[in-house]
Amino acid sequence: MFPLLETFVAVYETGQFSIAADELRVSQSTVSARIAQLEQRLGTPLFERHARADVTATRAGETLYRSAVKLLAQWRQTQEDVNRARQAHDPFLLMMSNTAAVALLPRILEGLQAQGALEHVDLRVMTANSDEIVEAVELHRAQMGIVEKPVSAEGVVRAALCDDRLVLAGEHAHDPENPATVWLLREHGSGVRYYTDLFFSQRSIQPTHRVEIAGNASICACLAAGIGTSLVSQGVVPAGVPTADLGMDFSRRFSSVTPRSGLTGMQRGICRQITSLFAARLHPGS
């Protein structure tokens, strides 16, 4: 119907079938056929034909013109709205713990790019400690989080991604009870701090010298310079820094957290794609 109405409006406004055909880039016979089809559907003539190929609208034609202009304007606006919606990208905030960002982000971006997923979302990545991530996801400020310690929150769904082993690294890695040890500690709320406190509890260690540092990069820089001792992920230990194994109690899992509700279909699809990248990277029984 819309091609018929567009043709009718062109004829009405130009007053000639031939000029309307030029504007629409169709043949004059096509214009004539469309007008005839429209007149047949409405059961009334829309134009009076005159000499020298001029035409004028009948009363029915004038009535149709007023309605047709409005209908075509609404249709064009609808097409623009649909096109904008088709091209719009859903926002997607991925929040990751410090260690997870170093260990997993390259794999995530590579996987999403290979699957063409980055074309459909505006992806942002932020680092934070695990507690902050869970809170952001539960409050729907983030679409997905990746944490490095056990979490439990009513408003999120948790899924295991892959394993990570923590080690003791630094100058007193093999003598952690040494009172001269300078302990480099992550801030409260981080996954590594959770396991560090567990280690202190198991070994009945009460650190004399402790420095709290918010971020793995700074801790690793200190370790690389030969300063301090810290629990860190085995995968981020700087080259040449001594390490000591801590056993299975400190083999943990990175986990994803997503909101129980409120995600768009596209956002939920991205969450599934990220999770699937790690489906085969869990050690049985760990």
Protein backbone atom coordinates (compact mmCIF):
# COMPACT_ATOMS: atom_id res chain seq x y z
CA MET A 1 0.00 0.00 0.00
CA PHE A 2 2.77 2.51 0.80
CA PRO A 3 4.23 2.50 -2.76
CA LEU A 4 0.74 3.26 -4.05
CA LEU A 5 0.33 6.15 -1.64
CA GLU A 6 3.81 7.52 -2.41
CA THR A 7 3.00 7.45 -6.11
CA PHE A 8 -0.37 9.14 -5.52
CA VAL A 9 1.25 11.96 -3.50
CA ALA A 10 3.91 12.48 -6.18
CA VAL A 11 1.26 12.80 -8.90
CA TYR A 12 -0.86 15.09 -6.74
CA GLU A 13 2.06 17.41 -6.00
CA THR A 14 3.54 17.49 -9.53
CA GLY A 15 0.27 17.49 -11.49
CA GLN A 16 1.68 15.09 -14.14
CA PHE A 17 2.26 11.36 -14.33
CA SER A 18 5.51 11.81 -16.29
CA ILE A 19 7.10 14.20 -13.77
CA ALA A 20 6.03 11.95 -10.87
CA ALA A 21 7.64 9.00 -12.65
CA ASP A 22 10.92 10.93 -12.94
CA GLU A 23 10.87 11.82 -9.25
CA LEU A 24 10.12 8.23 -8.20
CA ARG A 25 12.59 6.82 -10.76
CA VAL A 26 10.02 4.44 -12.22
CA SER A 27 8.37 4.27 -15.62
CA GLN A 28 5.29 6.31 -16.47
CA SER A 29 3.38 3.08 -17.06
CA THR A 30 4.20 2.00 -13.48
CA VAL A 31 2.79 5.28 -12.16
CA SER A 32 -0.38 4.83 -14.23
CA ALA A 33 -0.77 1.25 -13.03
CA ARG A 34 -0.37 2.20 -9.37
CA ILE A 35 -2.91 5.03 -9.59
CA ALA A 36 -5.36 2.72 -11.38
CA GLN A 37 -4.86 0.09 -8.67
CA LEU A 38 -5.46 2.64 -5.92
CA GLU A 39 -8.62 3.96 -7.66
CA GLN A 40 -9.88 0.39 -8.03
CA ARG A 41 -9.34 -0.33 -4.33
CA LEU A 42 -11.12 2.85 -3.25
CA GLY A 43 -13.83 2.56 -5.90
CA THR A 44 -13.57 6.16 -7.08
CA PRO A 45 -11.48 8.31 -9.47
CA LEU A 46 -8.70 10.26 -7.78
CA PHE A 47 -7.64 12.49 -10.69
CA GLU A 48 -9.26 14.27 -13.61
CA ARG A 49 -7.14 13.99 -16.79
CA HIS A 50 -6.68 17.09 -18.94
CA ALA A 51 -4.99 17.98 -22.17
CA ARG A 52 -1.17 18.15 -22.26
CA ALA A 53 -0.95 15.36 -19.64
CA ASP A 54 -1.96 17.58 -16.73
CA VAL A 55 -4.10 16.13 -13.94
CA THR A 56 -6.01 17.62 -10.99
CA ALA A 57 -7.30 15.82 -7.95
CA THR A 58 -10.96 15.01 -7.51
CA ARG A 59 -12.63 15.73 -4.17
CA ALA A 60 -11.88 12.14 -3.18
CA GLY A 61 -8.28 12.68 -4.25
CA GLU A 62 -7.98 15.79 -2.08
CA THR A 63 -9.32 13.88 0.93
CA LEU A 64 -6.94 11.01 0.30
CA TYR A 65 -3.98 13.38 -0.07
CA ARG A 66 -4.44 14.84 3.41
CA SER A 67 -4.57 11.37 4.96
CA ALA A 68 -1.79 9.96 2.76
CA VAL A 69 0.68 12.68 3.75
CA LYS A 70 0.10 11.88 7.44
CA LEU A 71 0.33 8.12 6.89
CA LEU A 72 3.58 8.38 4.93
CA ALA A 73 5.10 10.69 7.55
CA GLN A 74 4.17 8.20 10.28
CA TRP A 75 5.61 5.33 8.24
CA ARG A 76 8.91 7.14 7.65
CA GLN A 77 9.16 7.95 11.36
CA THR A 78 8.41 4.32 12.21
CA GLN A 79 11.13 3.15 9.82
CA GLU A 80 13.62 5.55 11.42
CA ASP A 81 12.66 4.39 14.92
CA VAL A 82 13.03 0.73 13.97
CA ASN A 83 16.38 1.40 12.29
CA ARG A 84 17.69 3.24 15.37
CA ALA A 85 16.53 0.39 17.59
CA ARG A 86 18.22 -2.13 15.29
CA GLN A 87 21.50 -0.22 15.36
CA ALA A 88 21.44 0.60 19.08
CA HIS A 89 23.85 -1.30 21.29
CA ASP A 90 22.87 -2.55 24.71
CA PRO A 91 25.13 -1.29 27.51
CA PHE A 92 27.15 -4.03 29.24
CA LEU A 93 29.30 -3.36 32.29
CA LEU A 94 31.59 -6.24 33.20
CA MET A 95 33.16 -5.82 36.63
CA MET A 96 36.17 -7.98 37.46
CA SER A 97 38.34 -8.51 40.49
CA ASN A 98 41.95 -7.40 40.03
CA THR A 99 43.37 -10.89 39.58
CA ALA A 100 40.53 -11.98 37.31
CA ALA A 101 41.07 -8.97 35.06
CA VAL A 102 44.74 -9.88 34.56
CA ALA A 103 44.17 -13.61 34.17
CA LEU A 104 40.87 -13.76 32.26
CA LEU A 105 40.12 -10.49 30.43
CA PRO A 106 42.30 -11.19 27.35
CA ARG A 107 40.56 -14.54 26.88
CA ILE A 108 37.13 -12.96 27.30
CA LEU A 109 37.76 -10.20 24.75
CA GLU A 110 39.29 -12.64 22.28
CA GLY A 111 36.31 -14.98 22.62
CA LEU A 112 33.66 -12.26 22.29
CA GLN A 113 35.43 -10.79 19.27
CA ALA A 114 35.64 -14.20 17.58
CA GLN A 115 31.90 -14.69 18.14
CA GLY A 116 31.03 -11.23 16.81
CA ALA A 117 29.46 -10.28 20.13
CA LEU A 118 31.27 -6.96 20.46
CA GLU A 119 29.23 -5.61 17.54
CA HIS A 120 26.02 -5.76 19.60
CA VAL A 121 26.92 -4.23 22.97
CA ASP A 122 28.73 -1.21 24.35
CA LEU A 123 31.15 -3.12 26.57
CA ARG A 124 32.81 -1.46 29.56
CA VAL A 125 35.16 -3.22 31.96
CA MET A 126 35.88 -2.06 35.50
CA THR A 127 37.99 -3.58 38.26
CA ALA A 128 36.86 -3.66 41.88
CA ASN A 129 37.06 -5.97 44.85
CA SER A 130 34.69 -8.93 45.06
CA ASP A 131 32.29 -7.41 47.60
CA GLU A 132 31.86 -4.24 45.53
CA ILE A 133 31.24 -6.34 42.41
CA VAL A 134 28.51 -8.43 44.04
CA GLU A 135 26.80 -5.28 45.34
CA ALA A 136 26.90 -3.62 41.89
CA VAL A 137 25.42 -6.69 40.19
CA GLU A 138 22.74 -7.12 42.84
CA LEU A 139 21.73 -3.47 42.42
CA HIS A 140 21.72 -3.83 38.58
CA ARG A 141 24.54 -1.32 38.15
CA ALA A 142 26.58 -4.01 36.39
CA GLN A 143 25.38 -6.73 34.03
CA MET A 144 28.01 -9.28 35.09
CA GLY A 145 30.80 -9.65 37.59
CA ILE A 146 33.74 -12.02 37.99
CA VAL A 147 34.89 -12.59 41.55
CA GLU A 148 37.62 -14.61 43.19
CA LYS A 149 36.13 -15.68 46.51
CA PRO A 150 33.00 -17.51 47.69
CA VAL A 151 30.02 -15.18 47.59
CA SER A 152 26.38 -15.50 48.56
CA ALA A 153 23.77 -12.89 47.74
CA GLU A 154 20.05 -13.29 47.23
CA GLY A 155 19.86 -11.16 44.10
CA VAL A 156 22.62 -12.83 42.04
CA VAL A 157 23.27 -16.13 40.30
CA ARG A 158 26.77 -17.54 40.73
CA ALA A 159 28.51 -19.86 38.25
CA ALA A 160 32.00 -21.38 38.45
CA LEU A 161 34.31 -20.38 35.59
CA CYS A 162 37.83 -21.73 36.13
CA ASP A 163 40.42 -22.56 38.75
CA ASP A 164 43.16 -20.35 40.13
CA ARG A 165 45.93 -21.32 42.56
CA LEU A 166 47.25 -18.92 45.16
CA VAL A 167 50.87 -19.08 46.29
CA LEU A 168 52.97 -17.31 48.86
CA ALA A 169 55.41 -15.04 47.05
CA GLY A 170 58.24 -12.80 48.14
CA GLU A 171 61.34 -12.62 50.28
CA HIS A 172 59.96 -14.79 53.12
CA ALA A 173 57.81 -17.12 51.01
CA HIS A 174 59.46 -20.15 52.63
CA ASP A 175 59.56 -18.65 56.12
CA PRO A 176 56.19 -16.90 56.61
CA GLU A 177 56.36 -17.07 60.43
CA ASN A 178 59.47 -14.89 60.40
CA PRO A 179 58.60 -11.82 62.52
CA ALA A 180 60.61 -9.61 60.17
CA THR A 181 58.25 -10.36 57.29
CA VAL A 182 56.64 -7.31 55.72
CA TRP A 183 53.20 -8.45 54.62
CA LEU A 184 51.68 -6.80 51.57
CA LEU A 185 47.92 -7.14 51.97
CA ARG A 186 45.03 -6.45 49.65
CA GLU A 187 42.17 -4.34 50.99
CA HIS A 188 39.24 -5.83 52.90
CA GLY A 189 36.54 -7.08 50.54
CA SER A 190 38.97 -8.44 47.96
CA GLY A 191 39.19 -12.14 47.18
CA VAL A 192 42.92 -12.34 47.92
CA ARG A 193 42.42 -10.68 51.31
CA TYR A 194 39.81 -13.31 52.18
CA TYR A 195 42.35 -16.07 51.55
CA THR A 196 45.16 -14.13 53.23
CA ASP A 197 43.12 -13.89 56.44
CA LEU A 198 42.38 -17.62 56.12
CA PHE A 199 46.12 -18.30 55.82
CA PHE A 200 46.90 -16.21 58.91
CA SER A 201 44.20 -18.07 60.85
CA GLN A 202 45.49 -21.50 59.82
CA ARG A 203 49.09 -20.64 60.70
CA SER A 204 48.22 -18.56 63.79
CA ILE A 205 50.18 -15.67 62.31
CA GLN A 206 49.73 -12.17 63.69
CA PRO A 207 51.65 -9.92 61.30
CA THR A 208 53.91 -7.34 62.91
CA HIS A 209 54.64 -5.44 59.69
CA ARG A 210 51.75 -5.03 57.29
CA VAL A 211 51.04 -2.70 54.41
CA GLU A 212 47.57 -2.61 52.84
CA ILE A 213 47.63 -1.98 49.09
CA ALA A 214 44.53 -1.69 46.89
CA GLY A 215 45.52 -3.50 43.71
CA ASN A 216 47.59 -6.45 42.54
CA ALA A 217 49.77 -4.43 40.18
CA SER A 218 51.37 -2.43 42.99
CA ILE A 219 51.89 -5.53 45.11
CA CYS A 220 53.54 -7.37 42.22
CA ALA A 221 55.78 -4.36 41.56
CA CYS A 222 56.96 -4.48 45.19
CA LEU A 223 57.57 -8.23 45.00
CA ALA A 224 59.55 -7.78 41.79
CA ALA A 225 61.70 -5.20 43.59
CA GLY A 226 62.40 -7.69 46.38
CA ILE A 227 60.13 -5.99 48.90
CA GLY A 228 57.64 -7.83 51.10
CA THR A 229 55.71 -11.09 51.05
CA SER A 230 52.14 -11.62 49.84
CA LEU A 231 49.54 -14.16 48.78
CA VAL A 232 49.03 -13.75 45.04
CA SER A 233 47.69 -15.72 42.12
CA GLN A 234 50.34 -18.04 40.70
CA GLY A 235 49.68 -16.63 37.24
CA VAL A 236 50.70 -13.07 38.14
CA VAL A 237 53.91 -13.72 40.14
CA PRO A 238 56.75 -11.64 38.64
CA ALA A 239 59.62 -13.61 37.12
CA GLY A 240 62.34 -14.54 39.60
CA VAL A 241 60.24 -14.00 42.73
CA PRO A 242 60.40 -16.97 45.16
CA THR A 243 57.11 -18.80 45.77
CA ALA A 244 55.81 -21.48 48.11
CA ASP A 245 52.82 -23.75 47.46
CA LEU A 246 49.92 -23.38 49.90
CA GLY A 247 48.00 -26.59 49.22
CA MET A 248 44.48 -27.30 47.96
CA ASP A 249 42.82 -25.01 50.50
CA PHE A 250 44.15 -22.15 48.43
CA SER A 251 43.12 -23.49 45.05
CA ARG A 252 40.08 -21.36 44.35
CA ARG A 253 37.66 -20.76 41.54
CA PHE A 254 36.88 -17.61 39.65
CA SER A 255 33.10 -17.30 39.50
CA SER A 256 30.68 -15.18 37.54
CA VAL A 257 27.77 -13.38 39.17
CA THR A 258 24.78 -12.13 37.22
CA PRO A 259 21.49 -10.53 38.31
CA ARG A 260 18.55 -12.88 38.72
CA SER A 261 16.43 -10.57 36.57
CA GLY A 262 16.52 -7.34 34.64
CA LEU A 263 18.89 -8.23 31.78
CA THR A 264 17.90 -7.76 28.14
CA GLY A 265 18.04 -10.75 25.83
CA MET A 266 21.26 -9.43 24.31
CA GLN A 267 22.88 -8.88 27.71
CA ARG A 268 21.92 -12.36 28.91
CA GLY A 269 23.35 -13.78 25.70
CA ILE A 270 26.70 -12.05 26.37
CA CYS A 271 26.72 -13.51 29.88
CA ARG A 272 26.19 -16.99 28.44
CA GLN A 273 28.95 -16.47 25.88
CA ILE A 274 31.45 -15.39 28.54
CA THR A 275 30.55 -18.33 30.77
CA SER A 276 30.89 -20.78 27.87
CA LEU A 277 34.49 -19.66 27.27
CA PHE A 278 35.49 -21.36 30.53
CA ALA A 279 33.18 -24.39 30.51
CA ALA A 280 36.03 -26.92 30.27
CA ARG A 281 38.54 -25.22 32.56
CA LEU A 282 37.58 -26.65 35.95
CA HIS A 283 39.65 -29.26 37.73
CA PRO A 284 37.48 -32.16 38.94
CA GLY A 285 37.13 -32.22 42.70
CA SER A 286 38.80 -28.86 43.28
